[in-house]
């Protein structure tokens, strides 16, 4: 798989990754670069990094629609923490 990752020291992008080869087929992934997305909840811009894109691509996930802050708030709302000490 091919991943494009920013090189912070040089201020450029470099390609990292590998090609998966099998006897049945070849799978080559597109280059991944950091991308700025807009949260559907609060409208804030958030960074979707090349590493995250690779992970989402590899697991066949859709791109995230919410920033990290809104995702955490949504998780807390849907699954409130349980305090076992008060039981």
Protein backbone atom coordinates (compact mmCIF):
# COMPACT_ATOMS: atom_id res chain seq x y z
CA UNK A 1 0.00 0.00 0.00
CA UNK A 2 1.23 3.47 -0.79
CA UNK A 3 0.93 6.20 1.82
CA UNK A 4 1.97 9.81 1.33
CA UNK A 5 3.05 11.40 4.59
CA UNK A 6 4.22 14.95 5.26
CA UNK A 7 7.88 15.27 6.16
CA UNK A 8 7.79 17.86 8.91
CA UNK A 9 11.51 18.66 8.91
CA UNK A 10 11.71 19.35 5.17
CA UNK A 11 8.21 20.75 4.76
CA UNK A 12 7.54 18.35 1.87
CA UNK A 13 5.59 15.19 1.28
CA UNK A 14 7.25 11.80 0.99
CA UNK A 15 5.83 8.47 -0.10
CA UNK A 16 5.88 5.53 2.28
CA UNK A 17 4.16 2.20 2.07
CA UNK A 18 4.19 -1.13 0.33
CA UNK A 19 2.49 -3.08 -2.44
CA UNK A 20 0.45 -6.14 -1.48
CA UNK A 21 0.99 -8.91 -4.00
CA UNK A 22 -0.80 -12.25 -4.22
CA UNK A 23 -1.14 -14.93 -6.86
CA UNK A 24 -4.81 -14.07 -7.43
CA UNK A 25 -4.64 -10.29 -7.68
CA UNK A 26 -2.61 -7.15 -7.09
CA UNK A 27 -3.91 -4.40 -4.85
CA UNK A 28 -2.41 -0.94 -5.20
CA UNK A 29 -3.82 1.83 -3.05
CA UNK A 30 -3.96 5.47 -4.11
CA UNK A 31 -1.58 7.98 -2.50
CA UNK A 32 -2.89 9.39 0.75
CA UNK A 33 -2.39 13.01 1.80
CA UNK A 34 -3.61 15.06 4.76
CA UNK A 35 -7.02 16.63 4.10
CA UNK A 36 -9.06 19.27 5.88
CA UNK A 37 -12.69 18.23 6.49
CA UNK A 38 -15.66 20.17 7.91
CA UNK A 39 -17.58 18.79 10.92
CA UNK A 40 -21.31 18.26 10.23
CA UNK A 41 -22.16 19.09 13.87
CA UNK A 42 -20.25 22.28 14.69
CA UNK A 43 -18.91 23.34 11.27
CA UNK A 44 -15.29 23.43 12.45
CA UNK A 45 -12.46 22.30 10.17
CA UNK A 46 -10.46 19.29 11.31
CA UNK A 47 -7.46 17.43 9.90
CA UNK A 48 -7.94 13.97 8.44
CA UNK A 49 -4.33 12.76 8.30
CA UNK A 50 -2.77 10.46 5.71
CA UNK A 51 -2.36 7.74 8.36
CA UNK A 52 -6.02 7.97 9.32
CA UNK A 53 -7.02 7.86 5.66
CA UNK A 54 -4.96 4.71 5.18
CA UNK A 55 -6.62 3.10 8.23
CA UNK A 56 -10.12 4.04 7.01
CA UNK A 57 -9.31 2.81 3.47
CA UNK A 58 -7.81 -0.45 4.74
CA UNK A 59 -10.91 -1.22 6.88
CA UNK A 60 -13.35 0.05 4.23
CA UNK A 61 -14.74 2.78 6.52
CA UNK A 62 -16.41 5.99 5.32
CA UNK A 63 -14.61 9.28 5.98
CA UNK A 64 -15.39 10.81 9.39
CA UNK A 65 -18.16 13.41 9.42
CA UNK A 66 -17.51 14.85 12.89
CA UNK A 67 -14.46 16.38 14.56
CA UNK A 68 -12.91 14.59 17.54
CA UNK A 69 -14.65 16.90 20.06
CA UNK A 70 -18.11 16.25 18.56
CA UNK A 71 -17.44 12.50 18.29
CA UNK A 72 -16.58 12.37 22.01
CA UNK A 73 -19.68 14.40 22.92
CA UNK A 74 -21.86 12.09 20.82
CA UNK A 75 -20.35 9.00 22.47
CA UNK A 76 -20.97 10.46 25.94
CA UNK A 77 -24.57 11.29 25.00
CA UNK A 78 -25.32 7.83 23.57
CA UNK A 79 -23.34 5.89 26.20
CA UNK A 80 -23.20 7.83 29.48
CA UNK A 81 -20.53 6.71 31.96
CA UNK A 82 -21.63 4.42 34.75
CA UNK A 83 -20.51 5.09 38.31
CA UNK A 84 -20.24 1.69 39.99
CA UNK A 85 -19.20 3.20 43.33
CA UNK A 86 -22.69 4.58 44.05
CA UNK A 87 -24.51 1.26 43.60
